[in-house]
Amino acid sequence: MIRWLTALGLASLASPLRAETCRLALALAMDISTSVDATEDTLQRQGLAAALVAPEVVEAFFSSPMPVALAVYEWSGRNTQRVIVSWTMIHTQADLLAAASTVQQSVRSDSGSATAMGHALAFGATLMQQAPPCLFQTIDLSGDGSNNDGYSPASAYRHFPFENTVVNGLVINAADFEGELYLIPFFENNVLRGPGAFLEVAQGFQDFERAMRRKLERELTGLQIGALQEPDQ
């Protein structure tokens, strides 16, 4: 409680005219590019739904008196982004269960597009402009491949509003070790952005739920806000 009250006080001093209604606006982006087959898409979709209602994640969502605003979208080609869960304030476990159920019941909108990561990030930045006013903003990009369509992540960061947004990543590692050799470094050097940004790795789509649980718990338990505290408090 002291952690969140401290952060709220500091944010109020920094932005005296802005009334924050939540502690974090969190946008989760799922890869539905052509490299993701139907079985893998199901594992990703069901894994995210299960992770959202895992006990440790539920506890993290409600670790502060200030709620979290949640949105989920899917992405692939330069013109293929779709919101699955519109901005939803998570006040109660029923709100969280409803969001997870929407993800679980969703059907991918496209299966034949390339990997336009820059466009996915730009879409997330635009979506973030529609979020409720929160202390922090995070876009979480999941993917099993690097950018091969449209403009680059660097271009998105130059031309879209990311000044107050952290971008974390979740790499879905391929069995042929492409992830360790190329994809993980690509995310680290091109996707992660902002103070405290981090990367989580799933060892295949079967491991997506576990990796998502770890990532959500870390994002929601106030590590960013903890950085505002003075040492040893």
Protein backbone atom coordinates (compact mmCIF):
# COMPACT_ATOMS: atom_id res chain seq x y z
CA MET A 1 0.00 0.00 0.00
CA ILE A 2 2.79 2.46 0.87
CA ARG A 3 4.41 1.71 -2.50
CA TRP A 4 1.30 2.65 -4.45
CA LEU A 5 0.54 5.73 -2.35
CA THR A 6 4.11 6.94 -2.83
CA ALA A 7 3.84 6.47 -6.59
CA LEU A 8 0.49 8.22 -6.70
CA GLY A 9 1.89 11.20 -4.83
CA LEU A 10 4.88 11.50 -7.15
CA ALA A 11 2.72 11.19 -10.24
CA SER A 12 0.39 13.89 -8.91
CA LEU A 13 3.31 16.24 -8.43
CA ALA A 14 4.52 15.55 -11.96
CA SER A 15 1.06 15.98 -13.55
CA PRO A 16 -1.06 18.17 -11.25
CA LEU A 17 -3.87 18.58 -13.81
CA ARG A 18 -4.24 14.89 -14.65
CA ALA A 19 -6.41 12.63 -12.52
CA GLU A 20 -5.16 9.07 -12.89
CA THR A 21 -7.91 6.49 -12.55
CA CYS A 22 -5.70 3.39 -12.70
CA ARG A 23 -2.15 2.35 -11.99
CA LEU A 24 -1.37 0.62 -15.31
CA ALA A 25 -2.78 0.58 -18.84
CA LEU A 26 -1.68 -2.81 -20.20
CA ALA A 27 -2.12 -3.75 -23.88
CA LEU A 28 -1.34 -7.38 -24.77
CA ALA A 29 -0.52 -8.09 -28.43
CA MET A 30 -0.72 -11.63 -29.89
CA ASP A 31 1.05 -12.73 -33.08
CA ILE A 32 -1.26 -14.32 -35.69
CA SER A 33 1.12 -14.16 -38.64
CA THR A 34 1.46 -16.99 -41.15
CA SER A 35 4.21 -18.67 -39.08
CA VAL A 36 1.59 -19.38 -36.39
CA ASP A 37 -0.48 -22.40 -37.42
CA ALA A 38 -3.97 -23.19 -36.17
CA THR A 39 -2.81 -25.40 -33.31
CA GLU A 40 -0.26 -22.82 -32.17
CA ASP A 41 -2.85 -20.06 -32.34
CA THR A 42 -5.13 -22.08 -30.08
CA LEU A 43 -2.32 -22.69 -27.62
CA GLN A 44 -1.51 -18.97 -27.58
CA ARG A 45 -5.14 -17.86 -27.21
CA GLN A 46 -6.03 -20.44 -24.56
CA GLY A 47 -2.71 -19.87 -22.82
CA LEU A 48 -3.34 -16.15 -22.46
CA ALA A 49 -6.86 -16.76 -21.16
CA ALA A 50 -5.58 -19.26 -18.59
CA ALA A 51 -2.72 -16.98 -17.54
CA LEU A 52 -5.08 -14.09 -16.88
CA VAL A 53 -6.98 -16.11 -14.27
CA ALA A 54 -4.00 -17.96 -12.74
CA PRO A 55 -3.95 -17.42 -8.94
CA GLU A 56 -0.64 -15.55 -8.91
CA VAL A 57 -1.78 -13.26 -11.73
CA VAL A 58 -5.14 -12.58 -10.08
CA GLU A 59 -3.29 -11.68 -6.89
CA ALA A 60 -1.01 -9.35 -8.88
CA PHE A 61 -3.96 -7.62 -10.56
CA PHE A 62 -5.39 -6.76 -7.16
CA SER A 63 -2.13 -6.02 -5.33
CA SER A 64 -3.04 -2.33 -5.21
CA PRO A 65 -6.20 -0.36 -4.47
CA MET A 66 -5.79 1.23 -7.93
CA PRO A 67 -7.16 -0.94 -10.78
CA VAL A 68 -5.52 -1.96 -14.05
CA ALA A 69 -6.90 -1.08 -17.49
CA LEU A 70 -6.54 -4.05 -19.87
CA ALA A 71 -6.75 -4.38 -23.65
CA VAL A 72 -5.85 -7.28 -25.96
CA TYR A 73 -5.23 -7.19 -29.70
CA GLU A 74 -3.93 -9.52 -32.40
CA TRP A 75 -1.49 -8.54 -35.12
CA SER A 76 0.24 -9.85 -38.25
CA GLY A 77 0.56 -7.98 -41.57
CA ARG A 78 0.79 -4.24 -42.02
CA ASN A 79 -2.99 -3.93 -42.36
CA THR A 80 -3.96 -6.73 -40.00
CA GLN A 81 -4.50 -5.67 -36.42
CA ARG A 82 -7.72 -6.30 -34.50
CA VAL A 83 -8.81 -5.49 -30.96
CA ILE A 84 -10.06 -8.55 -29.09
CA VAL A 85 -10.65 -6.94 -25.70
CA SER A 86 -11.35 -3.20 -25.74
CA TRP A 87 -10.06 -1.15 -22.83
CA THR A 88 -11.58 -2.68 -19.72
CA MET A 89 -11.05 -1.48 -16.17
CA ILE A 90 -10.34 -4.52 -13.99
CA HIS A 91 -12.08 -3.66 -10.74
CA THR A 92 -13.12 -7.18 -9.74
CA GLN A 93 -12.29 -10.80 -10.44
CA ALA A 94 -15.51 -10.95 -12.48
CA ASP A 95 -14.07 -8.26 -14.78
CA LEU A 96 -10.89 -10.30 -15.21
CA LEU A 97 -12.81 -13.52 -15.84
CA ALA A 98 -14.92 -11.79 -18.49
CA ALA A 99 -11.80 -10.52 -20.29
CA ALA A 100 -10.22 -13.98 -20.17
CA SER A 101 -13.42 -15.55 -21.49
CA THR A 102 -13.47 -13.10 -24.41
CA VAL A 103 -9.90 -14.08 -25.31
CA GLN A 104 -10.67 -17.80 -24.95
CA GLN A 105 -13.69 -17.60 -27.26
CA SER A 106 -12.04 -15.34 -29.86
CA VAL A 107 -11.21 -16.53 -33.38
CA ARG A 108 -8.23 -15.24 -35.32
CA SER A 109 -9.06 -12.69 -37.98
CA ASP A 110 -6.30 -13.66 -40.46
CA SER A 111 -3.93 -16.57 -41.12
CA GLY A 112 -2.00 -15.60 -44.23
CA SER A 113 -0.19 -12.36 -43.43
CA ALA A 114 3.46 -11.63 -42.79
CA THR A 115 5.05 -10.21 -39.63
CA ALA A 116 4.66 -6.44 -39.59
CA MET A 117 6.05 -5.74 -36.13
CA GLY A 118 6.46 -1.99 -36.64
CA HIS A 119 2.81 -1.71 -37.62
CA ALA A 120 1.81 -3.80 -34.61
CA LEU A 121 3.67 -1.43 -32.30
CA ALA A 122 2.21 1.63 -34.03
CA PHE A 123 -1.28 0.16 -33.60
CA GLY A 124 -0.52 -0.36 -29.91
CA ALA A 125 0.65 3.24 -29.50
CA THR A 126 -2.55 4.49 -31.13
CA LEU A 127 -4.61 2.17 -28.95
CA MET A 128 -2.78 3.48 -25.89
CA GLN A 129 -3.99 7.00 -26.72
CA GLN A 130 -7.52 5.70 -26.09
CA ALA A 131 -6.68 4.18 -22.69
CA PRO A 132 -7.99 5.57 -19.42
CA PRO A 133 -5.52 7.88 -17.67
CA CYS A 134 -3.12 5.65 -15.71
CA LEU A 135 0.13 6.08 -13.82
CA PHE A 136 1.96 3.83 -16.30
CA GLN A 137 1.46 2.41 -19.79
CA THR A 138 2.80 -0.91 -21.09
CA ILE A 139 2.51 -2.65 -24.44
CA ASP A 140 3.36 -6.33 -24.35
CA LEU A 141 4.29 -7.78 -27.75
CA SER A 142 4.34 -11.57 -28.22
CA GLY A 143 5.82 -13.13 -31.34
CA ASP A 144 7.55 -16.14 -32.90
CA GLY A 145 9.35 -14.22 -35.66
CA SER A 146 11.09 -10.96 -36.48
CA ASN A 147 9.84 -8.11 -38.64
CA ASN A 148 9.52 -8.99 -42.36
CA ASP A 149 6.79 -6.64 -43.58
CA GLY A 150 6.28 -2.89 -43.54
CA TYR A 151 8.33 -0.49 -41.47
CA SER A 152 10.58 -1.48 -38.59
CA PRO A 153 10.04 -1.16 -34.83
CA ALA A 154 12.61 1.66 -34.84
CA SER A 155 10.51 3.58 -37.36
CA ALA A 156 7.39 3.07 -35.25
CA TYR A 157 9.23 4.41 -32.23
CA ARG A 158 10.33 7.49 -34.17
CA HIS A 159 6.93 8.37 -35.62
CA PHE A 160 4.35 7.31 -33.01
CA PRO A 161 3.79 8.44 -29.40
CA PHE A 162 5.81 6.15 -27.13
CA GLU A 163 7.21 8.77 -24.74
CA ASN A 164 5.34 7.41 -21.71
CA THR A 165 4.98 3.78 -22.79
CA VAL A 166 7.14 0.79 -21.87
CA VAL A 167 7.28 -2.04 -24.39
CA ASN A 168 7.97 -5.56 -23.09
CA GLY A 169 8.32 -8.70 -25.19
CA LEU A 170 7.45 -12.39 -25.11
CA VAL A 171 9.48 -14.48 -27.54
CA ILE A 172 7.99 -17.82 -28.57
CA ASN A 173 11.15 -19.81 -29.17
CA ALA A 174 11.29 -22.26 -32.07
CA ALA A 175 12.48 -25.82 -31.63
CA ASP A 176 15.33 -25.24 -34.10
CA PHE A 177 17.04 -22.77 -31.73
CA GLU A 178 16.29 -19.84 -34.02
CA GLY A 179 15.16 -17.99 -30.91
CA GLU A 180 18.49 -18.15 -29.10
CA LEU A 181 20.48 -17.32 -32.22
CA TYR A 182 18.39 -14.54 -33.69
CA LEU A 183 14.90 -13.86 -32.34
CA ILE A 184 15.82 -13.17 -28.71
CA PRO A 185 18.58 -10.70 -29.69
CA PHE A 186 16.18 -9.10 -32.19
CA PHE A 187 13.60 -8.46 -29.48
CA GLU A 188 16.24 -7.25 -27.05
CA ASN A 189 17.78 -4.81 -29.53
CA ASN A 190 14.71 -3.69 -31.48
CA VAL A 191 11.50 -4.24 -29.51
CA LEU A 192 12.15 -3.59 -25.82
CA ARG A 193 11.71 0.06 -24.96
CA GLY A 194 11.50 2.23 -21.87
CA PRO A 195 12.64 2.02 -18.24
CA GLY A 196 12.48 -1.48 -16.81
CA ALA A 197 11.52 -3.11 -20.13
CA PHE A 198 12.11 -6.88 -20.10
CA LEU A 199 11.80 -10.01 -22.21
CA GLU A 200 10.15 -13.30 -21.32
CA VAL A 201 10.78 -16.47 -23.35
CA ALA A 202 8.35 -19.33 -24.00
CA GLN A 203 9.95 -22.59 -25.14
CA GLY A 204 7.41 -23.24 -27.86
CA PHE A 205 3.68 -22.51 -27.89
CA GLN A 206 3.09 -25.30 -25.36
CA ASP A 207 5.03 -23.13 -22.89
CA PHE A 208 3.15 -19.92 -23.72
CA GLU A 209 0.82 -20.04 -20.71
CA ARG A 210 3.69 -20.42 -18.22
CA ALA A 211 5.71 -17.61 -19.81
CA MET A 212 2.67 -15.33 -19.91
CA ARG A 213 1.93 -15.99 -16.25
CA ARG A 214 5.48 -15.02 -15.30
CA LYS A 215 5.39 -11.91 -17.44
CA LEU A 216 2.00 -10.70 -16.22
CA GLU A 217 2.95 -11.24 -12.60
CA ARG A 218 6.12 -9.20 -13.08
CA GLU A 219 4.32 -6.40 -14.93
CA LEU A 220 1.53 -6.15 -12.39
CA THR A 221 3.37 -6.32 -9.09
CA GLY A 222 4.70 -2.82 -9.28
CA LEU A 223 8.32 -3.17 -10.40
CA GLN A 224 8.04 0.04 -12.39
CA ILE A 225 6.48 1.87 -9.47
CA GLY A 226 9.00 0.33 -7.10
CA ALA A 227 11.70 2.14 -9.06
CA LEU A 228 10.17 5.42 -7.88
CA GLN A 229 10.76 4.59 -4.25
CA GLU A 230 13.78 5.66 -2.33
CA PRO A 231 16.22 2.84 -1.44
CA ASP A 232 15.30 0.64 1.54
CA GLN A 233 11.71 1.85 1.72
